[in-house]
Amino acid sequence: DVASLRDPQTDAERAQNPEWLVTVGVCTHLGCVPIANAGDFNGWFCPCHGSHYDASGRIRKGPAPLNLEVPEYAFLEGDKMLIG
């Protein structure tokens, strides 16, 4: 249940297009770089202090206070995306 998460956000709130998830790969605890496809939720795992994120970048376990950041981005024509 998303509402029970520390930083509750649905997939629809985190992604403009359900085929793409755009996040900043920096742990929200102390700025370490998490490992993809790892951890208890098969998403992101930060080996520095043990934060576990799910595949949508939502914090599920450990000391990180927030989900992985979703930067500002826009889909352009064709297969192009503008981030930032």
N, C-alpha and C. Protein backbone atom coordinates (compact mmCIF):
# COMPACT_ATOMS: atom_id res chain seq x y z
N ASP A 1 0.84 -1.19 0.00
CA ASP A 1 0.00 0.00 0.00
C ASP A 1 0.88 1.25 0.00
N VAL A 2 0.79 2.05 -1.04
CA VAL A 2 1.63 3.24 -1.20
C VAL A 2 1.43 4.22 -0.05
N ALA A 3 0.23 4.33 0.46
CA ALA A 3 -0.04 5.30 1.54
C ALA A 3 0.75 5.00 2.81
N SER A 4 1.16 3.78 2.99
CA SER A 4 1.90 3.41 4.20
C SER A 4 3.40 3.68 4.08
N LEU A 5 3.88 4.11 2.93
CA LEU A 5 5.31 4.36 2.74
C LEU A 5 5.75 5.65 3.42
N ARG A 6 7.03 5.75 3.73
CA ARG A 6 7.60 6.92 4.37
C ARG A 6 7.40 8.18 3.53
N ASP A 7 7.58 8.06 2.22
CA ASP A 7 7.40 9.18 1.30
C ASP A 7 6.43 8.70 0.22
N PRO A 8 5.12 8.69 0.51
CA PRO A 8 4.15 8.07 -0.39
C PRO A 8 3.98 8.81 -1.72
N GLN A 9 4.24 8.10 -2.80
CA GLN A 9 3.99 8.61 -4.15
C GLN A 9 3.60 7.42 -5.02
N THR A 10 2.55 7.57 -5.79
CA THR A 10 2.17 6.51 -6.72
C THR A 10 3.09 6.55 -7.94
N ASP A 11 3.05 5.48 -8.73
CA ASP A 11 3.82 5.47 -9.97
C ASP A 11 3.38 6.61 -10.88
N ALA A 12 2.08 6.88 -10.91
CA ALA A 12 1.55 7.95 -11.77
C ALA A 12 2.09 9.32 -11.34
N GLU A 13 2.36 9.51 -10.06
CA GLU A 13 2.92 10.77 -9.58
C GLU A 13 4.42 10.88 -9.90
N ARG A 14 5.08 9.74 -10.08
CA ARG A 14 6.52 9.73 -10.29
C ARG A 14 6.92 9.67 -11.76
N ALA A 15 6.02 9.32 -12.65
CA ALA A 15 6.37 9.15 -14.07
C ALA A 15 5.33 9.80 -14.97
N GLN A 16 5.80 10.57 -15.94
CA GLN A 16 4.89 11.17 -16.92
C GLN A 16 4.36 10.14 -17.89
N ASN A 17 5.20 9.17 -18.20
CA ASN A 17 4.87 8.09 -19.13
C ASN A 17 5.17 6.79 -18.40
N PRO A 18 4.20 5.88 -18.28
CA PRO A 18 4.43 4.66 -17.50
C PRO A 18 5.52 3.74 -18.06
N GLU A 19 5.96 3.99 -19.27
CA GLU A 19 7.05 3.19 -19.85
C GLU A 19 8.42 3.67 -19.40
N TRP A 20 8.48 4.85 -18.80
CA TRP A 20 9.77 5.45 -18.42
C TRP A 20 9.74 5.90 -16.97
N LEU A 21 10.83 5.61 -16.25
CA LEU A 21 11.03 6.16 -14.92
C LEU A 21 12.34 6.92 -14.96
N VAL A 22 12.30 8.19 -14.66
CA VAL A 22 13.49 9.04 -14.66
C VAL A 22 13.77 9.45 -13.22
N THR A 23 14.92 9.05 -12.69
CA THR A 23 15.29 9.42 -11.33
C THR A 23 16.75 9.85 -11.32
N VAL A 24 17.12 10.56 -10.27
CA VAL A 24 18.51 10.90 -10.02
C VAL A 24 19.08 9.78 -9.17
N GLY A 25 20.15 9.16 -9.62
CA GLY A 25 20.74 8.02 -8.94
C GLY A 25 21.63 8.41 -7.77
N VAL A 26 21.06 9.14 -6.83
CA VAL A 26 21.78 9.57 -5.64
C VAL A 26 20.90 9.31 -4.42
N CYS A 27 21.43 8.57 -3.45
CA CYS A 27 20.66 8.25 -2.25
C CYS A 27 20.29 9.54 -1.51
N THR A 28 19.07 9.59 -1.04
CA THR A 28 18.59 10.79 -0.35
C THR A 28 19.03 10.84 1.12
N HIS A 29 19.81 9.86 1.56
CA HIS A 29 20.32 9.88 2.93
C HIS A 29 21.56 10.76 3.00
N LEU A 30 22.66 10.31 2.39
CA LEU A 30 23.90 11.09 2.45
C LEU A 30 24.57 11.25 1.09
N GLY A 31 23.84 11.01 0.02
CA GLY A 31 24.36 11.29 -1.31
C GLY A 31 25.21 10.20 -1.95
N CYS A 32 25.15 8.99 -1.44
CA CYS A 32 25.90 7.89 -2.06
C CYS A 32 25.20 7.45 -3.34
N VAL A 33 25.84 6.58 -4.09
CA VAL A 33 25.27 6.08 -5.35
C VAL A 33 24.72 4.67 -5.13
N PRO A 34 23.40 4.50 -5.23
CA PRO A 34 22.81 3.18 -5.03
C PRO A 34 23.06 2.25 -6.22
N ILE A 35 22.95 0.97 -5.95
CA ILE A 35 23.13 -0.07 -6.96
C ILE A 35 21.76 -0.43 -7.53
N ALA A 36 21.66 -0.46 -8.86
CA ALA A 36 20.38 -0.78 -9.52
C ALA A 36 20.08 -2.27 -9.45
N ASN A 37 18.80 -2.60 -9.49
CA ASN A 37 18.32 -3.99 -9.50
C ASN A 37 18.85 -4.77 -8.30
N ALA A 38 18.81 -4.14 -7.14
CA ALA A 38 19.35 -4.76 -5.94
C ALA A 38 18.47 -4.41 -4.74
N GLY A 39 18.82 -4.97 -3.60
CA GLY A 39 18.08 -4.70 -2.37
C GLY A 39 16.87 -5.60 -2.19
N ASP A 40 16.21 -5.42 -1.07
CA ASP A 40 15.08 -6.27 -0.69
C ASP A 40 13.87 -6.10 -1.61
N PHE A 41 13.83 -5.05 -2.41
CA PHE A 41 12.66 -4.78 -3.25
C PHE A 41 13.01 -4.80 -4.74
N ASN A 42 14.21 -5.36 -5.06
CA ASN A 42 14.68 -5.49 -6.44
C ASN A 42 14.62 -4.17 -7.20
N GLY A 43 14.99 -3.10 -6.51
CA GLY A 43 15.00 -1.77 -7.13
C GLY A 43 16.39 -1.17 -7.03
N TRP A 44 16.62 -0.40 -6.00
CA TRP A 44 17.89 0.27 -5.76
C TRP A 44 18.33 -0.01 -4.33
N PHE A 45 19.61 -0.25 -4.14
CA PHE A 45 20.16 -0.49 -2.81
C PHE A 45 21.38 0.38 -2.61
N CYS A 46 21.42 1.12 -1.52
CA CYS A 46 22.58 1.95 -1.19
C CYS A 46 23.45 1.18 -0.20
N PRO A 47 24.62 0.72 -0.63
CA PRO A 47 25.47 -0.08 0.23
C PRO A 47 26.15 0.72 1.34
N CYS A 48 26.15 2.02 1.25
CA CYS A 48 26.82 2.84 2.27
C CYS A 48 26.16 2.71 3.64
N HIS A 49 24.82 2.83 3.68
CA HIS A 49 24.11 2.81 4.96
C HIS A 49 22.86 1.94 4.94
N GLY A 50 22.62 1.21 3.84
CA GLY A 50 21.56 0.22 3.81
C GLY A 50 20.17 0.69 3.45
N SER A 51 20.05 1.75 2.67
CA SER A 51 18.71 2.16 2.22
C SER A 51 18.27 1.28 1.05
N HIS A 52 17.01 0.85 1.09
CA HIS A 52 16.42 0.03 0.04
C HIS A 52 15.29 0.81 -0.61
N TYR A 53 15.33 0.91 -1.94
CA TYR A 53 14.28 1.57 -2.72
C TYR A 53 13.63 0.52 -3.60
N ASP A 54 12.35 0.69 -3.91
CA ASP A 54 11.71 -0.25 -4.83
C ASP A 54 12.04 0.15 -6.27
N ALA A 55 11.48 -0.58 -7.23
CA ALA A 55 11.77 -0.34 -8.65
C ALA A 55 11.31 1.04 -9.12
N SER A 56 10.41 1.68 -8.38
CA SER A 56 9.96 3.03 -8.72
C SER A 56 10.76 4.10 -7.99
N GLY A 57 11.80 3.69 -7.27
CA GLY A 57 12.65 4.65 -6.56
C GLY A 57 12.07 5.15 -5.25
N ARG A 58 11.07 4.44 -4.73
CA ARG A 58 10.46 4.84 -3.45
C ARG A 58 11.20 4.20 -2.30
N ILE A 59 11.52 4.99 -1.27
CA ILE A 59 12.22 4.46 -0.11
C ILE A 59 11.32 3.47 0.63
N ARG A 60 11.87 2.31 0.90
CA ARG A 60 11.09 1.26 1.57
C ARG A 60 11.71 0.83 2.90
N LYS A 61 13.03 1.00 3.04
CA LYS A 61 13.71 0.51 4.24
C LYS A 61 15.05 1.22 4.36
N GLY A 62 15.48 1.48 5.59
CA GLY A 62 16.77 2.11 5.81
C GLY A 62 16.65 3.58 6.17
N PRO A 63 17.80 4.26 6.29
CA PRO A 63 17.80 5.62 6.82
C PRO A 63 17.42 6.75 5.85
N ALA A 64 17.34 6.48 4.55
CA ALA A 64 17.00 7.55 3.60
C ALA A 64 15.63 8.14 3.92
N PRO A 65 15.51 9.46 3.97
CA PRO A 65 14.24 10.08 4.35
C PRO A 65 13.23 10.21 3.21
N LEU A 66 13.72 10.23 1.96
CA LEU A 66 12.85 10.51 0.81
C LEU A 66 13.09 9.53 -0.32
N ASN A 67 12.15 9.49 -1.26
CA ASN A 67 12.31 8.71 -2.48
C ASN A 67 13.45 9.27 -3.30
N LEU A 68 13.96 8.48 -4.26
CA LEU A 68 14.93 9.01 -5.20
C LEU A 68 14.27 10.17 -5.94
N GLU A 69 15.03 11.21 -6.16
CA GLU A 69 14.49 12.42 -6.79
C GLU A 69 14.10 12.15 -8.24
N VAL A 70 12.97 12.70 -8.64
CA VAL A 70 12.55 12.71 -10.04
C VAL A 70 12.84 14.12 -10.55
N PRO A 71 13.80 14.26 -11.48
CA PRO A 71 14.13 15.59 -11.97
C PRO A 71 13.06 16.11 -12.93
N GLU A 72 13.13 17.38 -13.22
CA GLU A 72 12.24 17.93 -14.24
C GLU A 72 12.69 17.38 -15.58
N TYR A 73 11.74 16.92 -16.39
CA TYR A 73 12.08 16.40 -17.71
C TYR A 73 10.87 16.54 -18.62
N ALA A 74 11.14 16.45 -19.91
CA ALA A 74 10.07 16.55 -20.91
C ALA A 74 10.39 15.63 -22.07
N PHE A 75 9.35 15.02 -22.62
CA PHE A 75 9.51 14.22 -23.82
C PHE A 75 9.43 15.15 -25.02
N LEU A 76 10.39 15.02 -25.91
CA LEU A 76 10.41 15.81 -27.14
C LEU A 76 9.95 14.92 -28.29
N GLU A 77 10.07 15.39 -29.50
CA GLU A 77 9.65 14.59 -30.64
C GLU A 77 10.53 13.34 -30.79
N GLY A 78 9.93 12.31 -31.34
CA GLY A 78 10.67 11.08 -31.60
C GLY A 78 11.10 10.39 -30.30
N ASP A 79 12.36 10.03 -30.27
CA ASP A 79 12.89 9.29 -29.13
C ASP A 79 13.78 10.16 -28.24
N LYS A 80 13.49 11.47 -28.19
CA LYS A 80 14.32 12.39 -27.42
C LYS A 80 13.64 12.82 -26.14
N MET A 81 14.47 13.04 -25.11
CA MET A 81 13.99 13.50 -23.82
C MET A 81 14.93 14.61 -23.34
N LEU A 82 14.36 15.63 -22.75
CA LEU A 82 15.14 16.73 -22.18
C LEU A 82 15.05 16.63 -20.66
N ILE A 83 16.19 16.48 -20.01
CA ILE A 83 16.23 16.37 -18.55
C ILE A 83 16.89 17.63 -18.00
N GLY A 84 16.23 18.21 -17.01
CA GLY A 84 16.78 19.39 -16.36
C GLY A 84 16.13 20.68 -16.78
